[in-house]
Protein backbone atom coordinates (compact mmCIF):
# COMPACT_ATOMS: atom_id res chain seq x y z
CA UNK A 1 12.61 19.39 10.80
CA UNK A 2 16.12 18.88 12.14
CA UNK A 3 14.73 19.56 15.63
CA UNK A 4 12.37 16.58 15.50
CA UNK A 5 15.00 14.16 16.75
CA UNK A 6 14.48 12.92 20.30
CA UNK A 7 17.30 13.22 22.87
CA UNK A 8 17.71 9.70 24.24
CA UNK A 9 21.25 9.94 25.64
CA UNK A 10 20.67 12.57 28.36
CA UNK A 11 18.10 13.17 31.10
CA UNK A 12 14.80 11.30 31.32
CA UNK A 13 14.59 8.05 29.37
CA UNK A 14 11.03 6.73 29.69
CA UNK A 15 9.22 9.61 27.95
CA UNK A 16 11.72 9.93 25.04
CA UNK A 17 11.40 6.19 24.45
CA UNK A 18 7.62 6.48 24.15
CA UNK A 19 7.86 9.61 21.98
CA UNK A 20 10.32 7.84 19.70
CA UNK A 21 8.29 4.61 19.42
CA UNK A 22 4.75 5.94 19.00
CA UNK A 23 5.25 7.36 15.47
CA UNK A 24 6.70 3.99 14.42
CA UNK A 25 3.51 2.26 15.59
CA UNK A 26 1.42 4.79 13.67
CA UNK A 27 3.58 4.27 10.57
CA UNK A 28 2.93 0.53 10.78
CA UNK A 29 -0.81 1.19 11.03
CA UNK A 30 -0.61 3.37 7.94
CA UNK A 31 1.23 0.56 6.14
CA UNK A 32 -1.69 -1.76 6.90
CA UNK A 33 -4.03 0.87 5.47
CA UNK A 34 -1.82 1.05 2.40
CA UNK A 35 -2.21 -2.68 1.80
CA UNK A 36 -5.95 -2.64 2.49
CA UNK A 37 -6.46 0.13 -0.10
CA UNK A 38 -4.77 -1.95 -2.80
CA UNK A 39 -6.81 -5.02 -1.88
CA UNK A 40 -10.09 -3.09 -1.82
CA UNK A 41 -9.75 -1.49 -5.23
CA UNK A 42 -8.25 -4.54 -6.93
CA UNK A 43 -11.17 -6.50 -5.45
CA UNK A 44 -13.49 -4.46 -7.70
CA UNK A 45 -11.93 -6.31 -10.66
CA UNK A 46 -12.95 -9.78 -9.48
CA UNK A 47 -11.47 -13.01 -8.18
CA UNK A 48 -8.76 -13.36 -10.84
CA UNK A 49 -7.30 -9.97 -9.94
CA UNK A 50 -7.27 -10.72 -6.21
CA UNK A 51 -5.63 -14.10 -6.87
CA UNK A 52 -2.98 -12.36 -8.97
CA UNK A 53 -2.06 -10.18 -5.98
CA UNK A 54 -1.89 -13.27 -3.78
CA UNK A 55 0.70 -14.79 -6.12
CA UNK A 56 2.70 -11.56 -6.31
CA UNK A 57 2.82 -10.61 -2.64
CA UNK A 58 5.20 -13.39 -1.48
CA UNK A 59 7.73 -12.21 -4.06
CA UNK A 60 7.28 -8.54 -3.13
CA UNK A 61 7.49 -9.42 0.58
CA UNK A 62 10.72 -11.34 0.01
CA UNK A 63 12.20 -8.33 -1.80
CA UNK A 64 11.12 -6.01 1.02
CA UNK A 65 12.66 -8.42 3.55
CA UNK A 66 16.03 -8.22 1.82
CA UNK A 67 15.87 -4.42 1.64
CA UNK A 68 14.70 -4.14 5.25
CA UNK A 69 17.69 -6.15 6.41
CA UNK A 70 20.24 -3.84 4.85
CA UNK A 71 18.46 -0.72 6.08
CA UNK A 72 19.11 -1.99 9.63
CA UNK A 73 22.79 -1.30 8.96
CA UNK A 74 21.95 2.34 8.30
CA UNK A 75 19.96 2.62 11.53
CA UNK A 76 22.76 1.09 13.62
CA UNK A 77 25.60 3.11 12.12
CA UNK A 78 23.76 6.44 12.25
CA UNK A 79 22.55 5.83 15.82
CA UNK A 80 25.94 4.85 17.20
CA UNK A 81 27.84 7.64 15.43
CA UNK A 82 25.30 10.21 16.59
CA UNK A 83 25.56 8.93 20.16
CA UNK A 84 29.36 9.26 19.95
CA UNK A 85 29.04 12.82 18.62
CA UNK A 86 30.64 11.96 15.27
CA UNK A 87 28.47 14.15 13.03
CA UNK A 88 30.68 13.78 9.95
CA UNK A 89 30.64 10.02 10.31
CA UNK A 90 26.84 10.12 10.59
CA UNK A 91 26.62 11.83 7.21
CA UNK A 92 29.22 9.53 5.69
CA UNK A 93 27.59 6.34 7.01
CA UNK A 94 24.20 7.53 5.75
CA UNK A 95 25.60 8.32 2.28
CA UNK A 96 27.41 5.00 2.04
CA UNK A 97 24.27 3.09 3.05
CA UNK A 98 22.17 4.94 0.46
CA UNK A 99 24.74 4.30 -2.28
CA UNK A 100 25.07 0.60 -1.45
CA UNK A 101 21.31 0.02 -1.16
CA UNK A 102 20.88 1.94 -4.43
CA UNK A 103 23.28 -0.41 -6.24
CA UNK A 104 21.50 -3.36 -4.63
CA UNK A 105 18.14 -2.00 -5.78
CA UNK A 106 19.28 -1.73 -9.41
CA UNK A 107 20.55 -5.31 -9.27
CA UNK A 108 17.25 -6.56 -7.81
CA UNK A 109 15.27 -4.54 -10.34
CA UNK A 110 16.96 -6.14 -13.35
CA UNK A 111 17.12 -9.65 -11.88
CA UNK A 112 13.54 -9.55 -10.62
CA UNK A 113 12.16 -8.25 -13.92
CA UNK A 114 13.86 -11.05 -15.86
CA UNK A 115 12.94 -13.83 -13.44
CA UNK A 116 9.36 -12.74 -12.66
CA UNK A 117 7.62 -15.21 -15.02
CA UNK A 118 9.56 -18.11 -13.50
CA UNK A 119 9.09 -16.91 -9.92
CA UNK A 120 5.34 -16.44 -10.33
CA UNK A 121 4.98 -19.98 -11.65
CA UNK A 122 7.05 -21.31 -8.74
CA UNK A 123 4.69 -19.62 -6.29
CA UNK A 124 1.86 -21.63 -7.83
CA UNK A 125 0.30 -19.64 -10.69
CA UNK A 126 -0.46 -21.69 -13.80
CA UNK A 127 1.47 -20.30 -16.81
CA UNK A 128 -0.91 -18.86 -19.36
CA UNK A 129 -3.80 -18.40 -16.93
CA UNK A 130 -5.37 -14.99 -16.37
CA UNK A 131 -4.02 -14.93 -12.81
CA UNK A 132 -0.51 -15.68 -14.09
CA UNK A 133 -0.58 -12.92 -16.71
CA UNK A 134 -1.92 -10.32 -14.27
CA UNK A 135 0.56 -11.35 -11.58
CA UNK A 136 3.51 -11.06 -13.96
CA UNK A 137 2.39 -7.56 -15.00
CA UNK A 138 1.99 -6.43 -11.40
CA UNK A 139 5.25 -7.95 -10.15
CA UNK A 140 7.35 -6.66 -13.05
CA UNK A 141 6.00 -3.14 -12.53
CA UNK A 142 6.95 -3.32 -8.85
CA UNK A 143 10.46 -4.50 -9.76
CA UNK A 144 10.86 -1.57 -12.17
CA UNK A 145 10.21 0.74 -9.22
CA UNK A 146 12.40 -1.13 -6.73
CA UNK A 147 14.87 1.77 -6.55
CA UNK A 148 12.11 4.08 -5.30
CA UNK A 149 10.81 1.54 -2.78
CA UNK A 150 14.29 0.85 -1.41
CA UNK A 151 14.92 4.61 -1.24
CA UNK A 152 11.79 5.10 0.84
CA UNK A 153 12.80 2.35 3.28
CA UNK A 154 16.36 3.59 3.71
CA UNK A 155 15.18 7.15 4.44
CA UNK A 156 12.96 5.80 7.22
CA UNK A 157 15.83 3.74 8.64
CA UNK A 158 18.37 6.59 8.61
CA UNK A 159 16.01 9.05 10.29
CA UNK A 160 15.08 6.41 12.87
CA UNK A 161 18.77 6.01 13.73
CA UNK A 162 19.08 9.80 14.03
CA UNK A 163 16.21 9.77 16.53
CA UNK A 164 13.55 11.35 14.30
CA UNK A 165 10.54 9.08 13.79
CA UNK A 166 8.01 11.85 13.14
CA UNK A 167 9.32 12.90 9.73
CA UNK A 168 9.14 9.30 8.36
CA UNK A 169 5.58 9.12 9.76
CA UNK A 170 4.58 12.25 7.84
CA UNK A 171 6.21 10.89 4.71
CA UNK A 172 4.38 7.59 5.14
CA UNK A 173 1.09 9.49 5.55
CA UNK A 174 1.81 11.35 2.32
CA UNK A 175 2.53 8.07 0.52
CA UNK A 176 -0.68 6.45 1.80
CA UNK A 177 -2.73 9.50 0.77
CA UNK A 178 -1.24 9.46 -2.73
CA UNK A 179 -1.85 5.73 -3.03
CA UNK A 180 -5.46 6.00 -1.87
CA UNK A 181 -6.14 8.80 -4.37
CA UNK A 182 -4.37 7.14 -7.29
CA UNK A 183 -5.60 3.56 -6.81
CA UNK A 184 -9.21 3.92 -8.05
CA UNK A 185 -8.23 5.91 -11.13
CA UNK A 186 -5.21 3.86 -12.19
CA UNK A 187 -6.97 0.55 -11.50
CA UNK A 188 -10.50 1.32 -12.78
CA UNK A 189 -10.06 4.41 -14.94
CA UNK A 190 -13.27 6.26 -15.80
CA UNK A 191 -15.30 3.18 -16.68
CA UNK A 192 -17.52 1.74 -13.92
CA UNK A 193 -15.47 3.48 -11.25
CA UNK A 194 -17.31 2.91 -7.97
CA UNK A 195 -15.77 6.05 -6.49
CA UNK A 196 -17.66 8.26 -8.98
CA UNK A 197 -20.85 6.29 -8.28
CA UNK A 198 -20.45 6.68 -4.52
CA UNK A 199 -19.98 10.44 -4.95
CA UNK A 200 -22.99 10.73 -7.28
CA UNK A 201 -20.79 11.80 -10.21
CA UNK A 202 -21.96 9.27 -12.81
CA UNK A 203 -22.46 12.00 -15.40
CA UNK A 204 -18.91 13.30 -14.99
CA UNK A 205 -17.59 9.75 -15.15
CA UNK A 206 -19.44 9.07 -18.40
CA UNK A 207 -18.18 12.31 -19.95
CA UNK A 208 -14.57 11.64 -18.92
CA UNK A 209 -14.70 8.12 -20.30
CA UNK A 210 -16.17 9.37 -23.57
CA UNK A 211 -13.44 11.98 -23.90
CA UNK A 212 -10.49 9.80 -22.88
CA UNK A 213 -11.55 6.19 -23.28
CA UNK A 214 -9.39 5.44 -20.23
CA UNK A 215 -10.53 2.19 -18.56
CA UNK A 216 -7.61 1.94 -16.14
CA UNK A 217 -4.61 -0.37 -16.03
CA UNK A 218 -6.31 -3.03 -13.92
CA UNK A 219 -4.07 -4.87 -11.46
CA UNK A 220 -1.00 -3.18 -12.95
CA UNK A 221 -2.53 0.15 -11.91
CA UNK A 222 -2.12 -0.81 -8.26
CA UNK A 223 1.60 -1.40 -8.86
CA UNK A 224 1.96 1.93 -10.67
CA UNK A 225 0.26 3.72 -7.76
CA UNK A 226 2.59 1.99 -5.30
CA UNK A 227 5.73 2.88 -7.26
CA UNK A 228 4.63 6.50 -7.74
CA UNK A 229 3.67 7.08 -4.09
CA UNK A 230 6.86 5.43 -2.80
CA UNK A 231 8.87 7.31 -5.41
CA UNK A 232 7.48 10.66 -4.30
CA UNK A 233 8.51 9.85 -0.73
CA UNK A 234 11.98 8.67 -1.78
CA UNK A 235 12.68 11.79 -3.85
CA UNK A 236 11.42 14.12 -1.14
CA UNK A 237 13.48 12.28 1.47
CA UNK A 238 16.61 12.53 -0.68
CA UNK A 239 16.09 16.27 -1.13
CA UNK A 240 15.80 16.71 2.64
CA UNK A 241 18.96 14.66 3.27
CA UNK A 242 21.03 16.74 0.84
CA UNK A 243 19.61 20.01 2.18
CA UNK A 244 20.45 19.04 5.76
CA UNK A 245 16.96 20.02 6.94
CA UNK A 246 16.45 16.68 8.72
CA UNK A 247 19.71 16.77 10.69
CA UNK A 248 21.65 14.40 8.43
CA UNK A 249 23.42 16.43 5.72
CA UNK A 250 24.70 14.51 2.71
CA UNK A 251 27.19 15.57 0.05
CA UNK A 252 28.03 13.84 -3.22
CA UNK A 253 31.37 12.68 -1.82
CA UNK A 254 29.47 10.65 0.80
CA UNK A 255 28.00 8.53 -2.01
CA UNK A 256 31.34 7.29 -3.41
CA UNK A 257 31.43 3.71 -2.20
CA UNK A 258 34.27 2.81 0.13
CA UNK A 259 35.05 -0.95 0.19
CA UNK A 260 35.63 -0.90 3.96
CA UNK A 261 32.29 0.76 4.65
CA UNK A 262 30.51 -1.57 2.22
CA UNK A 263 32.03 -4.50 4.09
CA UNK A 264 30.67 -3.13 7.38
CA UNK A 265 27.23 -2.48 5.89
CA UNK A 266 27.07 -6.03 4.53
CA UNK A 267 28.32 -7.44 7.84
CA UNK A 268 25.50 -5.67 9.69
CA UNK A 269 22.78 -5.92 7.07
CA UNK A 270 23.15 -9.42 5.62
CA UNK A 271 22.18 -11.23 8.85
CA UNK A 272 19.05 -9.09 9.14
CA UNK A 273 18.16 -9.86 5.52
CA UNK A 274 18.62 -13.57 6.17
CA UNK A 275 16.54 -13.26 9.34
CA UNK A 276 13.62 -11.60 7.60
CA UNK A 277 13.80 -13.83 4.52
CA UNK A 278 13.87 -17.06 6.54
CA UNK A 279 10.93 -15.78 8.58
CA UNK A 280 8.93 -15.32 5.38
CA UNK A 281 9.86 -18.83 4.25
CA UNK A 282 9.05 -20.27 7.68
CA UNK A 283 5.57 -18.74 7.62
CA UNK A 284 4.99 -20.40 4.25
CA UNK A 285 6.10 -23.79 5.67
CA UNK A 286 3.87 -23.34 8.73
CA UNK A 287 0.89 -22.60 6.45
CA UNK A 288 1.62 -25.77 4.48
CA UNK A 289 1.65 -27.76 7.76
CA UNK A 290 -1.67 -26.27 8.87
CA UNK A 291 -3.11 -27.16 5.45
CA UNK A 292 -2.80 -30.83 6.50
CA UNK A 293 -5.52 -30.07 9.06
CA UNK A 294 -7.90 -28.77 6.39
CA UNK A 295 -9.06 -25.57 4.72
CA UNK A 296 -10.91 -24.36 7.82
CA UNK A 297 -7.67 -24.49 9.80
CA UNK A 298 -5.84 -22.50 7.09
CA UNK A 299 -8.59 -19.88 7.18
CA UNK A 300 -8.32 -19.72 10.98
CA UNK A 301 -4.54 -19.30 10.73
CA UNK A 302 -5.01 -16.47 8.24
CA UNK A 303 -7.36 -14.71 10.64
CA UNK A 304 -4.92 -15.30 13.49
CA UNK A 305 -2.10 -13.77 11.47
CA UNK A 306 -4.19 -10.67 10.77
CA UNK A 307 -4.98 -10.29 14.46
CA UNK A 308 -1.30 -10.78 15.32
CA UNK A 309 -0.28 -8.05 12.86
CA UNK A 310 -2.43 -5.62 14.86
CA UNK A 311 -1.57 -6.95 18.32
CA UNK A 312 2.18 -6.72 17.76
CA UNK A 313 2.22 -3.13 16.51
CA UNK A 314 3.23 -1.82 19.99
CA UNK A 315 5.97 -4.48 20.19
CA UNK A 316 7.37 -3.61 16.76
CA UNK A 317 7.28 0.11 17.55
CA UNK A 318 9.08 -0.32 20.86
CA UNK A 319 11.57 -2.77 19.32
CA UNK A 320 12.59 -0.26 16.65
CA UNK A 321 12.62 2.56 19.15
CA UNK A 322 14.85 0.42 21.34
CA UNK A 323 17.24 -0.08 18.40
CA UNK A 324 17.80 3.67 18.24
CA UNK A 325 18.10 4.21 22.01
CA UNK A 326 20.52 1.30 22.45
CA UNK A 327 22.55 2.33 19.41
CA UNK A 328 22.97 5.96 20.48
CA UNK A 329 23.76 5.12 24.10
CA UNK A 330 26.29 2.43 23.23
CA UNK A 331 27.86 4.94 20.84
CA UNK A 332 28.33 7.15 23.89
CA UNK A 333 29.52 4.19 26.01
CA UNK A 334 26.44 4.43 28.26
CA UNK A 335 25.85 0.70 28.64
CA UNK A 336 23.73 0.91 31.78
CA UNK A 337 21.40 3.44 30.17
CA UNK A 338 21.04 1.19 27.11
CA UNK A 339 20.12 -1.74 29.36
CA UNK A 340 17.64 0.44 31.26
CA UNK A 341 15.92 1.37 28.00
CA UNK A 342 15.44 -2.32 27.20
CA UNK A 343 13.95 -2.82 30.68
CA UNK A 344 11.50 0.06 30.19
CA UNK A 345 10.46 -1.17 26.74
CA UNK A 346 10.04 -4.75 27.95
CA UNK A 347 7.93 -3.64 30.90
CA UNK A 348 5.67 -1.48 28.72
CA UNK A 349 5.13 -4.07 26.02
CA UNK A 350 4.59 -6.86 28.57
CA UNK A 351 1.92 -4.80 30.37
CA UNK A 352 0.08 -3.87 27.17
CA UNK A 353 0.18 -7.33 25.61
CA UNK A 354 -0.76 -9.07 28.88
CA UNK A 355 -3.97 -7.02 28.85
CA UNK A 356 -4.51 -7.74 25.16
CA UNK A 357 -3.95 -11.44 25.82
CA UNK A 358 -6.68 -11.45 28.50
CA UNK A 359 -9.10 -9.74 26.11
CA UNK A 360 -8.23 -12.22 23.35
CA UNK A 361 -8.82 -15.16 25.68
CA UNK A 362 -12.15 -13.93 27.05
CA UNK A 363 -13.59 -12.69 23.74
CA UNK A 364 -11.96 -15.22 21.41
CA UNK A 365 -15.10 -16.18 19.50
CA UNK A 366 -16.54 -12.68 18.94
CA UNK A 367 -13.14 -11.42 17.77
CA UNK A 368 -12.75 -14.27 15.29
CA UNK A 369 -16.33 -13.85 14.07
CA UNK A 370 -15.60 -10.25 13.03
CA UNK A 371 -13.30 -11.52 10.30
CA UNK A 372 -15.43 -14.40 9.01
CA UNK A 373 -19.10 -14.23 10.08
CA UNK A 374 -21.31 -17.19 9.23
CA UNK A 375 -18.56 -19.83 9.32
CA UNK A 376 -18.96 -21.59 12.69
CA UNK A 377 -16.26 -24.21 12.09
CA UNK A 378 -13.63 -21.60 11.24
CA UNK A 379 -14.75 -19.42 14.16
CA UNK A 380 -14.35 -22.34 16.56
CA UNK A 381 -10.83 -23.14 15.33
CA UNK A 382 -9.87 -19.46 15.31
CA UNK A 383 -11.17 -19.00 18.85
CA UNK A 384 -9.11 -21.99 19.92
CA UNK A 385 -6.08 -20.27 18.36
CA UNK A 386 -6.64 -17.09 20.40
CA UNK A 387 -7.26 -18.92 23.68
CA UNK A 388 -4.01 -20.89 23.32
CA UNK A 389 -1.75 -18.18 21.92
CA UNK A 390 -3.27 -15.10 23.57
CA UNK A 391 -1.63 -15.73 26.98
CA UNK A 392 1.79 -15.80 25.25
CA UNK A 393 1.44 -12.43 23.50
CA UNK A 394 3.54 -10.74 26.17
CA UNK A 395 6.39 -13.23 25.65
CA UNK A 396 6.71 -12.53 21.93
CA UNK A 397 6.47 -8.80 22.71
CA UNK A 398 9.44 -8.93 25.08
CA UNK A 399 11.30 -11.11 22.56
CA UNK A 400 10.87 -8.43 19.87
CA UNK A 401 12.22 -5.73 22.22
CA UNK A 402 15.29 -7.80 23.15
CA UNK A 403 15.88 -8.46 19.45
CA UNK A 404 15.75 -4.69 18.91
CA UNK A 405 18.45 -4.29 21.57
CA UNK A 406 20.68 -6.82 19.80
CA UNK A 407 20.27 -5.02 16.47
CA UNK A 408 20.86 -1.60 18.00
CA UNK A 409 24.18 -2.82 19.38
CA UNK A 410 25.13 -4.13 15.95
CA UNK A 411 24.72 -7.77 17.03
CA UNK A 412 22.60 -8.54 13.96
CA UNK A 413 24.00 -12.06 13.68
CA UNK A 414 22.79 -12.75 17.21
CA UNK A 415 19.32 -11.43 16.37
CA UNK A 416 19.33 -13.62 13.25
CA UNK A 417 20.23 -16.74 15.25
CA UNK A 418 17.43 -16.23 17.76
CA UNK A 419 14.89 -15.47 15.01
CA UNK A 420 15.82 -18.68 13.20
CA UNK A 421 15.71 -20.68 16.45
CA UNK A 422 12.30 -19.23 17.27
CA UNK A 423 10.74 -20.42 14.03
CA UNK A 424 12.81 -23.32 12.74
CA UNK A 425 13.71 -25.02 16.06
CA UNK A 426 11.11 -23.98 18.64
CA UNK A 427 8.02 -23.81 16.37
CA UNK A 428 8.05 -25.91 13.20
CA UNK A 429 9.36 -29.26 14.59
CA UNK A 430 6.93 -29.26 17.58
CA UNK A 431 4.13 -28.21 15.19
CA UNK A 432 4.83 -31.21 12.96
CA UNK A 433 5.06 -33.61 15.93
CA UNK A 434 1.86 -32.40 17.56
CA UNK A 435 -0.07 -32.21 14.30
CA UNK A 436 1.06 -35.41 12.58
CA UNK A 437 2.53 -37.72 15.24
CA UNK A 438 0.27 -36.81 18.18
CA UNK A 439 -2.70 -36.31 15.80
CA UNK A 440 -3.84 -33.15 17.61
CA UNK A 441 -4.88 -31.38 14.42
CA UNK A 442 -4.69 -27.60 14.22
CA UNK A 443 -4.76 -27.38 18.01
CA UNK A 444 -1.32 -29.00 18.08
CA UNK A 445 0.05 -26.28 15.82
CA UNK A 446 -1.44 -23.59 18.06
CA UNK A 447 0.30 -25.12 21.09
CA UNK A 448 3.58 -25.24 19.14
CA UNK A 449 3.28 -21.53 18.31
CA UNK A 450 2.60 -20.72 21.97
CA UNK A 451 5.55 -22.86 23.05
CA UNK A 452 7.88 -21.12 20.61
CA UNK A 453 6.79 -17.70 21.88
CA UNK A 454 7.79 -18.64 25.41
CA UNK A 455 11.03 -20.46 24.55
CA UNK A 456 12.24 -17.70 22.20
CA UNK A 457 11.75 -15.02 24.86
CA UNK A 458 13.43 -17.09 27.59
CA UNK A 459 16.45 -17.95 25.39
CA UNK A 460 16.96 -14.39 24.12
CA UNK A 461 16.50 -12.86 27.58
CA UNK A 462 19.02 -15.22 29.16
CA UNK A 463 21.57 -14.25 26.51
CA UNK A 464 20.71 -10.57 26.99
CA UNK A 465 21.41 -10.87 30.72
CA UNK A 466 24.91 -12.21 29.94
CA UNK A 467 25.76 -8.70 28.71
CA UNK A 468 28.11 -9.84 25.94
CA UNK A 469 26.09 -7.94 23.30
CA UNK A 470 26.99 -4.44 24.57
CA UNK A 471 30.03 -3.69 22.38
CA UNK A 472 29.36 -1.02 19.75
CA UNK A 473 30.44 -1.45 16.13
CA UNK A 474 31.84 1.98 15.29
CA UNK A 475 35.56 2.42 14.83
CA UNK A 476 38.06 4.82 16.38
CA UNK A 477 37.18 8.15 14.82
CA UNK A 478 40.72 9.48 14.87
CA UNK A 479 40.86 8.33 11.26
CA UNK A 480 39.58 10.86 8.70
CA UNK A 481 36.43 10.29 6.76
CA UNK A 482 37.18 9.41 3.13
CA UNK A 483 36.26 12.39 1.03
CA UNK A 484 36.72 14.95 3.83
CA UNK A 485 39.60 16.62 2.01
CA UNK A 486 37.92 16.57 -1.38
């Protein structure tokens, strides 16, 4: 497995960039499948169960956003130290990141478990209702398993910085498979389990239910399946890291927290956490604005968001691949090669998303109708969304790649600033003005989103061209690694 890392600092650059990024795209697709499996099986329980998940997901997403931000620090440090040839510092940085994120996970686990009832009510669930009770059960179970979920994310981030994106893909596939297998049994048990019915095993189902009386854990079962599948991945990843079979080789001394390293991890990770958290909040505010235009507009926005999540998979994959390539090459002081990687990624994503944008514009109505057949008003608004925003897909794709370059260099504060500008300056104020003041309805919001896509890319690209982001963040390695002499 240690030979799965891609060489991005020598020789050809285009092919390694594609090889590095493709598994990330596939991992994102598997993540979507992961979420769909939970929704499908919970949907067998009825509307109250589905509503409970809707109340829980913003809280879970916020937690994941915080974790994802701090894992960026691990990617940057590992990538730059590997590029500089500092193998011992790679191991040390990886161990320090795991230890810090582990402490953070325990803190979030306790705090989240205690505050869950209050948080669920703040999201909108009515205390005492069935949806509220189910949501609290689900969310608290997720918070109990936060350590495993954070562990899974940090393993992915560290291996990505090392240049190995295939091993995290395989681990993600394992997690999805476990989740898909566990979901129907933990949610529905052996009573009225549609999986047994579909397989023609009603007799076996009846016998198992008679013998065990197990009717499943309901919505909580989905959380248990998630924690178990993520936990299996986290434990396996930790075993590989300590064995050295994935290139990074940890020792217990690497896990003893060093205040200076913690300070660096926080300095790199906190801005990314803020970036992702404010994005989640901004999406909530945008949805509230669209709600002023009516329920049909909200439904159209929901469909648009689902389409976007698929459209931007290549951009997200290339952005994260770019993080690694930029990080390793800046670690080796190869600034021109790092810039060239950003150019390749931008060109690829612009070409792909320009084509996707044309397809979205031409087939706007049929695409929207796939998600909500038989609702002509929603289809019309959703088609309007695609026709307005589709031509700007390539701009947001290039923006994501440039943001990946900023993060790979360690300029996470810069990436945070542009992300906040994109949503809170370029999108939300124009959306309010066009919707409320100009009375353009949902169409005004769609134009504001398109405008923000263009402005964000232009602003970030102009800053990128200044070249002031190219300093790496690793220190002079003449100093010994703490714990080396232990």
